[in-house]
């Protein structure tokens, strides 16, 4: 079985690994977000940053929306964390983003750990 968006996600993971290798752990999430954006640019990875994701309830648009850190390649939700360890609620957040966008793949990165933590979440 092939991985969903294998080539695209491989490139995104590589960019995240480069950021973590350069900065290590200990910075705020916003620092990693800015650094990853620069890495996306240098690697020609198409992205949108801080994308508002509308939420619907029974077909009606709510005033509250989610904001994804990045949308890569127009089809992958990319969420960053800078915490000691990923928790279930971080995965739940990505699943909600996938539901809101109707996308199938989310990549969750935690830059706060000694080694870069990453999770592929498929809906």
N, C-alpha and C. Protein backbone atom coordinates (compact mmCIF):
# COMPACT_ATOMS: atom_id res chain seq x y z
N UNK A 1 0.84 -1.19 0.00
CA UNK A 1 0.00 0.00 0.00
C UNK A 1 0.89 1.25 0.00
N UNK A 2 0.61 2.16 -0.90
CA UNK A 2 1.38 3.39 -1.00
C UNK A 2 0.94 4.39 0.06
N UNK A 3 1.89 5.18 0.53
CA UNK A 3 1.57 6.26 1.46
C UNK A 3 0.86 7.37 0.70
N UNK A 4 -0.12 7.98 1.34
CA UNK A 4 -0.84 9.09 0.74
C UNK A 4 0.10 10.29 0.62
N UNK A 5 0.19 10.85 -0.58
CA UNK A 5 1.04 12.02 -0.86
C UNK A 5 2.48 11.78 -0.39
N UNK A 6 3.01 10.62 -0.74
CA UNK A 6 4.33 10.20 -0.28
C UNK A 6 5.43 11.23 -0.59
N UNK A 7 5.53 11.64 -1.84
CA UNK A 7 6.61 12.56 -2.23
C UNK A 7 6.46 13.92 -1.55
N UNK A 8 5.24 14.43 -1.53
CA UNK A 8 5.02 15.74 -0.92
C UNK A 8 5.29 15.72 0.58
N UNK A 9 4.80 14.69 1.25
CA UNK A 9 5.01 14.62 2.70
C UNK A 9 6.48 14.38 3.02
N UNK A 10 7.18 13.62 2.20
CA UNK A 10 8.61 13.40 2.38
C UNK A 10 9.37 14.74 2.35
N UNK A 11 9.01 15.60 1.42
CA UNK A 11 9.66 16.91 1.30
C UNK A 11 9.35 17.80 2.50
N UNK A 12 8.11 17.77 2.98
CA UNK A 12 7.72 18.57 4.15
C UNK A 12 8.46 18.07 5.39
N UNK A 13 8.51 16.75 5.57
CA UNK A 13 9.23 16.18 6.71
C UNK A 13 10.70 16.55 6.65
N UNK A 14 11.30 16.50 5.49
CA UNK A 14 12.70 16.89 5.33
C UNK A 14 12.94 18.33 5.73
N UNK A 15 12.02 19.21 5.36
CA UNK A 15 12.14 20.62 5.73
C UNK A 15 12.04 20.78 7.24
N UNK A 16 11.10 20.07 7.86
CA UNK A 16 10.94 20.14 9.32
C UNK A 16 12.18 19.60 10.03
N UNK A 17 12.74 18.53 9.51
CA UNK A 17 13.96 17.96 10.11
C UNK A 17 15.12 18.95 10.02
N UNK A 18 15.22 19.65 8.91
CA UNK A 18 16.28 20.65 8.75
C UNK A 18 16.13 21.77 9.77
N UNK A 19 14.91 22.21 10.01
CA UNK A 19 14.66 23.26 11.00
C UNK A 19 15.04 22.78 12.39
N UNK A 20 14.63 21.57 12.74
CA UNK A 20 14.94 21.05 14.08
C UNK A 20 16.45 20.83 14.24
N UNK A 21 17.08 20.37 13.19
CA UNK A 21 18.54 20.16 13.26
C UNK A 21 19.26 21.48 13.48
N UNK A 22 18.78 22.54 12.86
CA UNK A 22 19.42 23.85 12.99
C UNK A 22 19.12 24.52 14.33
N UNK A 23 17.86 24.47 14.77
CA UNK A 23 17.45 25.21 15.96
C UNK A 23 17.44 24.37 17.23
N UNK A 24 17.19 23.05 17.09
CA UNK A 24 17.04 22.21 18.27
C UNK A 24 15.75 22.54 19.00
N UNK A 25 15.64 22.08 20.23
CA UNK A 25 14.44 22.32 21.04
C UNK A 25 14.62 23.60 21.86
N UNK A 26 13.50 24.13 22.35
CA UNK A 26 13.57 25.24 23.30
C UNK A 26 13.00 26.56 22.83
N UNK A 27 12.72 26.69 21.54
CA UNK A 27 12.15 27.93 21.04
C UNK A 27 10.62 27.88 21.09
N UNK A 28 10.00 29.03 20.96
CA UNK A 28 8.55 29.11 20.86
C UNK A 28 8.09 28.57 19.51
N UNK A 29 6.84 28.12 19.46
CA UNK A 29 6.28 27.59 18.23
C UNK A 29 6.39 28.59 17.08
N UNK A 30 6.18 29.87 17.36
CA UNK A 30 6.23 30.90 16.32
C UNK A 30 7.60 30.97 15.65
N UNK A 31 8.65 30.69 16.39
CA UNK A 31 10.01 30.70 15.81
C UNK A 31 10.15 29.55 14.81
N UNK A 32 9.67 28.38 15.20
CA UNK A 32 9.74 27.23 14.30
C UNK A 32 8.87 27.45 13.07
N UNK A 33 7.74 28.10 13.25
CA UNK A 33 6.85 28.37 12.13
C UNK A 33 7.54 29.29 11.11
N UNK A 34 8.18 30.33 11.60
CA UNK A 34 8.87 31.25 10.69
C UNK A 34 10.05 30.56 10.01
N UNK A 35 10.80 29.77 10.77
CA UNK A 35 11.94 29.05 10.19
C UNK A 35 11.47 28.04 9.14
N UNK A 36 10.37 27.33 9.43
CA UNK A 36 9.86 26.35 8.48
C UNK A 36 9.38 27.03 7.21
N UNK A 37 8.79 28.19 7.34
CA UNK A 37 8.38 28.94 6.15
C UNK A 37 9.59 29.25 5.27
N UNK A 38 10.67 29.68 5.89
CA UNK A 38 11.89 29.98 5.12
C UNK A 38 12.43 28.71 4.45
N UNK A 39 12.31 27.58 5.15
CA UNK A 39 12.76 26.31 4.58
C UNK A 39 11.86 25.89 3.41
N UNK A 40 10.56 26.10 3.54
CA UNK A 40 9.64 25.80 2.44
C UNK A 40 10.01 26.63 1.21
N UNK A 41 10.30 27.91 1.42
CA UNK A 41 10.66 28.79 0.31
C UNK A 41 11.94 28.30 -0.36
N UNK A 42 12.95 27.98 0.44
CA UNK A 42 14.23 27.56 -0.14
C UNK A 42 14.13 26.22 -0.87
N UNK A 43 13.15 25.41 -0.49
CA UNK A 43 12.98 24.09 -1.12
C UNK A 43 11.85 24.08 -2.16
N UNK A 44 11.31 25.25 -2.45
CA UNK A 44 10.21 25.38 -3.42
C UNK A 44 9.01 24.49 -3.07
N UNK A 45 8.67 24.43 -1.80
CA UNK A 45 7.50 23.69 -1.35
C UNK A 45 6.33 24.67 -1.30
N UNK A 46 5.30 24.44 -2.10
CA UNK A 46 4.16 25.36 -2.08
C UNK A 46 3.39 25.25 -0.76
N UNK A 47 3.03 26.41 -0.22
CA UNK A 47 2.37 26.42 1.09
C UNK A 47 1.53 27.68 1.24
N UNK A 48 0.63 27.63 2.21
CA UNK A 48 -0.07 28.80 2.72
C UNK A 48 0.15 28.78 4.22
N UNK A 49 0.38 29.94 4.81
CA UNK A 49 0.65 30.02 6.25
C UNK A 49 -0.55 30.60 6.99
N UNK A 50 -0.81 30.06 8.18
CA UNK A 50 -1.90 30.52 9.07
C UNK A 50 -3.21 30.67 8.30
N UNK A 51 -3.70 29.54 7.83
CA UNK A 51 -4.89 29.48 7.01
C UNK A 51 -6.13 29.31 7.90
N UNK A 52 -7.08 30.22 7.76
CA UNK A 52 -8.35 30.10 8.50
C UNK A 52 -9.17 28.99 7.88
N UNK A 53 -9.65 28.09 8.73
CA UNK A 53 -10.46 26.96 8.27
C UNK A 53 -11.88 27.13 8.79
N UNK A 54 -12.85 27.33 7.91
CA UNK A 54 -14.22 27.53 8.36
C UNK A 54 -14.79 26.26 8.99
N UNK A 55 -15.69 26.44 9.93
CA UNK A 55 -16.35 25.33 10.61
C UNK A 55 -17.85 25.48 10.39
N UNK A 56 -18.47 24.37 10.05
CA UNK A 56 -19.91 24.36 9.80
C UNK A 56 -20.61 23.50 10.83
N UNK A 57 -21.79 23.93 11.21
CA UNK A 57 -22.65 23.16 12.10
C UNK A 57 -24.00 23.03 11.43
N UNK A 58 -24.39 21.80 11.13
CA UNK A 58 -25.65 21.53 10.43
C UNK A 58 -25.79 22.39 9.18
N UNK A 59 -24.67 22.50 8.45
CA UNK A 59 -24.68 23.22 7.19
C UNK A 59 -24.56 24.72 7.30
N UNK A 60 -24.47 25.24 8.52
CA UNK A 60 -24.37 26.69 8.71
C UNK A 60 -22.97 27.05 9.19
N UNK A 61 -22.42 28.09 8.59
CA UNK A 61 -21.09 28.56 8.93
C UNK A 61 -21.07 29.18 10.32
N UNK A 62 -20.15 28.73 11.15
CA UNK A 62 -19.98 29.31 12.48
C UNK A 62 -19.03 30.50 12.40
N UNK A 63 -19.13 31.41 13.35
CA UNK A 63 -18.21 32.56 13.37
C UNK A 63 -16.82 32.14 13.82
N UNK A 64 -16.73 31.08 14.62
CA UNK A 64 -15.44 30.58 15.09
C UNK A 64 -14.81 29.75 13.97
N UNK A 65 -13.50 29.89 13.80
CA UNK A 65 -12.80 29.07 12.81
C UNK A 65 -11.50 28.57 13.42
N UNK A 66 -10.97 27.53 12.82
CA UNK A 66 -9.64 27.05 13.18
C UNK A 66 -8.61 27.80 12.35
N UNK A 67 -7.37 27.79 12.80
CA UNK A 67 -6.28 28.34 12.00
C UNK A 67 -5.17 27.30 11.94
N UNK A 68 -4.95 26.77 10.75
CA UNK A 68 -3.88 25.79 10.54
C UNK A 68 -2.56 26.54 10.37
N UNK A 69 -1.49 26.00 10.93
CA UNK A 69 -0.18 26.63 10.78
C UNK A 69 0.19 26.75 9.30
N UNK A 70 0.03 25.66 8.58
CA UNK A 70 0.31 25.64 7.14
C UNK A 70 -0.63 24.68 6.43
N UNK A 71 -0.87 24.99 5.16
CA UNK A 71 -1.43 24.02 4.22
C UNK A 71 -0.34 23.85 3.16
N UNK A 72 0.14 22.62 3.01
CA UNK A 72 1.18 22.35 2.03
C UNK A 72 0.60 21.71 0.78
N UNK A 73 1.10 22.13 -0.35
CA UNK A 73 0.69 21.57 -1.64
C UNK A 73 -0.82 21.68 -1.88
N UNK A 74 -1.49 22.57 -1.15
CA UNK A 74 -2.92 22.74 -1.32
C UNK A 74 -3.76 21.58 -0.83
N UNK A 75 -3.12 20.61 -0.10
CA UNK A 75 -3.87 19.42 0.29
C UNK A 75 -3.41 18.75 1.57
N UNK A 76 -2.37 19.27 2.22
CA UNK A 76 -1.85 18.66 3.44
C UNK A 76 -1.89 19.69 4.57
N UNK A 77 -2.57 19.34 5.66
CA UNK A 77 -2.59 20.20 6.84
C UNK A 77 -1.30 19.95 7.61
N UNK A 78 -0.59 21.03 7.94
CA UNK A 78 0.68 20.93 8.67
C UNK A 78 0.54 21.73 9.95
N UNK A 79 0.67 21.05 11.07
CA UNK A 79 0.52 21.69 12.38
C UNK A 79 1.79 21.53 13.18
N UNK A 80 2.22 22.62 13.82
CA UNK A 80 3.46 22.63 14.60
C UNK A 80 3.14 22.77 16.07
N UNK A 81 3.96 22.13 16.88
CA UNK A 81 3.91 22.25 18.33
C UNK A 81 5.33 22.42 18.83
N UNK A 82 5.46 23.02 20.01
CA UNK A 82 6.75 23.14 20.69
C UNK A 82 6.51 22.79 22.15
N UNK A 83 6.24 21.51 22.40
CA UNK A 83 5.89 21.02 23.73
C UNK A 83 6.82 19.85 24.09
N UNK A 84 6.82 19.47 25.36
CA UNK A 84 7.72 18.38 25.77
C UNK A 84 7.34 17.06 25.13
N UNK A 85 6.05 16.83 24.91
CA UNK A 85 5.59 15.59 24.26
C UNK A 85 4.23 15.82 23.62
N UNK A 86 3.99 15.17 22.50
CA UNK A 86 2.69 15.23 21.86
C UNK A 86 1.66 14.49 22.70
N UNK A 87 0.45 15.00 22.69
CA UNK A 87 -0.64 14.38 23.44
C UNK A 87 -1.80 14.07 22.50
N UNK A 88 -2.75 13.31 23.00
CA UNK A 88 -3.91 12.93 22.20
C UNK A 88 -4.66 14.14 21.66
N UNK A 89 -4.72 15.21 22.46
CA UNK A 89 -5.47 16.39 22.00
C UNK A 89 -4.82 17.06 20.79
N UNK A 90 -3.51 16.89 20.62
CA UNK A 90 -2.85 17.44 19.45
C UNK A 90 -3.28 16.68 18.19
N UNK A 91 -3.39 15.35 18.31
CA UNK A 91 -3.88 14.55 17.20
C UNK A 91 -5.34 14.86 16.92
N UNK A 92 -6.12 15.05 17.97
CA UNK A 92 -7.54 15.39 17.80
C UNK A 92 -7.69 16.73 17.07
N UNK A 93 -6.81 17.67 17.36
CA UNK A 93 -6.83 18.97 16.69
C UNK A 93 -6.63 18.78 15.19
N UNK A 94 -5.65 17.98 14.80
CA UNK A 94 -5.40 17.72 13.38
C UNK A 94 -6.61 17.03 12.73
N UNK A 95 -7.19 16.08 13.42
CA UNK A 95 -8.37 15.40 12.88
C UNK A 95 -9.51 16.39 12.64
N UNK A 96 -9.68 17.34 13.56
CA UNK A 96 -10.70 18.38 13.37
C UNK A 96 -10.37 19.25 12.16
N UNK A 97 -9.10 19.58 11.98
CA UNK A 97 -8.68 20.37 10.82
C UNK A 97 -8.97 19.61 9.53
N UNK A 98 -8.69 18.31 9.54
CA UNK A 98 -8.95 17.50 8.35
C UNK A 98 -10.44 17.45 8.05
N UNK A 99 -11.24 17.33 9.09
CA UNK A 99 -12.69 17.31 8.91
C UNK A 99 -13.17 18.65 8.34
N UNK A 100 -12.63 19.74 8.86
CA UNK A 100 -13.04 21.08 8.41
C UNK A 100 -12.66 21.33 6.95
N UNK A 101 -11.54 20.77 6.51
CA UNK A 101 -11.04 21.02 5.15
C UNK A 101 -11.45 19.94 4.16
N UNK A 102 -11.89 18.79 4.66
CA UNK A 102 -12.12 17.61 3.82
C UNK A 102 -10.82 17.09 3.21
N UNK A 103 -9.68 17.46 3.78
CA UNK A 103 -8.41 16.90 3.34
C UNK A 103 -8.24 15.52 3.97
N UNK A 104 -7.32 14.76 3.44
CA UNK A 104 -7.11 13.39 3.92
C UNK A 104 -5.85 13.22 4.75
N UNK A 105 -4.89 14.15 4.65
CA UNK A 105 -3.61 13.97 5.33
C UNK A 105 -3.23 15.18 6.17
N UNK A 106 -2.81 14.91 7.39
CA UNK A 106 -2.26 15.93 8.26
C UNK A 106 -0.89 15.50 8.76
N UNK A 107 0.02 16.43 8.86
CA UNK A 107 1.35 16.18 9.41
C UNK A 107 1.49 17.03 10.67
N UNK A 108 1.81 16.36 11.76
CA UNK A 108 1.96 17.01 13.06
C UNK A 108 3.42 16.92 13.47
N UNK A 109 4.02 18.07 13.75
CA UNK A 109 5.42 18.11 14.16
C UNK A 109 5.55 18.73 15.54
N UNK A 110 6.38 18.12 16.38
CA UNK A 110 6.70 18.69 17.68
C UNK A 110 8.18 19.01 17.73
N UNK A 111 8.47 20.30 17.75
CA UNK A 111 9.86 20.76 17.80
C UNK A 111 10.37 20.88 19.23
N UNK A 112 9.53 20.66 20.22
CA UNK A 112 9.92 20.86 21.61
C UNK A 112 10.67 19.69 22.22
N UNK A 113 10.66 18.55 21.59
CA UNK A 113 11.36 17.37 22.11
C UNK A 113 12.81 17.37 21.63
N UNK A 114 13.64 16.57 22.29
CA UNK A 114 15.06 16.49 21.93
C UNK A 114 15.22 16.09 20.46
N UNK A 115 14.43 15.12 20.03
CA UNK A 115 14.37 14.73 18.62
C UNK A 115 13.03 15.19 18.06
N UNK A 116 13.01 15.55 16.81
CA UNK A 116 11.77 15.99 16.17
C UNK A 116 10.75 14.86 16.23
N UNK A 117 9.58 15.15 16.78
CA UNK A 117 8.48 14.18 16.77
C UNK A 117 7.59 14.50 15.58
N UNK A 118 7.16 13.46 14.90
CA UNK A 118 6.27 13.68 13.76
C UNK A 118 5.22 12.58 13.71
N UNK A 119 4.03 12.98 13.29
CA UNK A 119 2.94 12.02 13.15
C UNK A 119 2.22 12.31 11.84
N UNK A 120 1.91 11.24 11.12
CA UNK A 120 1.06 11.30 9.93
C UNK A 120 -0.33 10.93 10.38
N UNK A 121 -1.28 11.78 10.11
CA UNK A 121 -2.66 11.51 10.49
C UNK A 121 -3.48 11.46 9.21
N UNK A 122 -4.09 10.31 8.95
CA UNK A 122 -4.87 10.11 7.74
C UNK A 122 -6.33 9.99 8.12
N UNK A 123 -7.16 10.68 7.42
CA UNK A 123 -8.61 10.65 7.67
C UNK A 123 -9.29 9.89 6.56
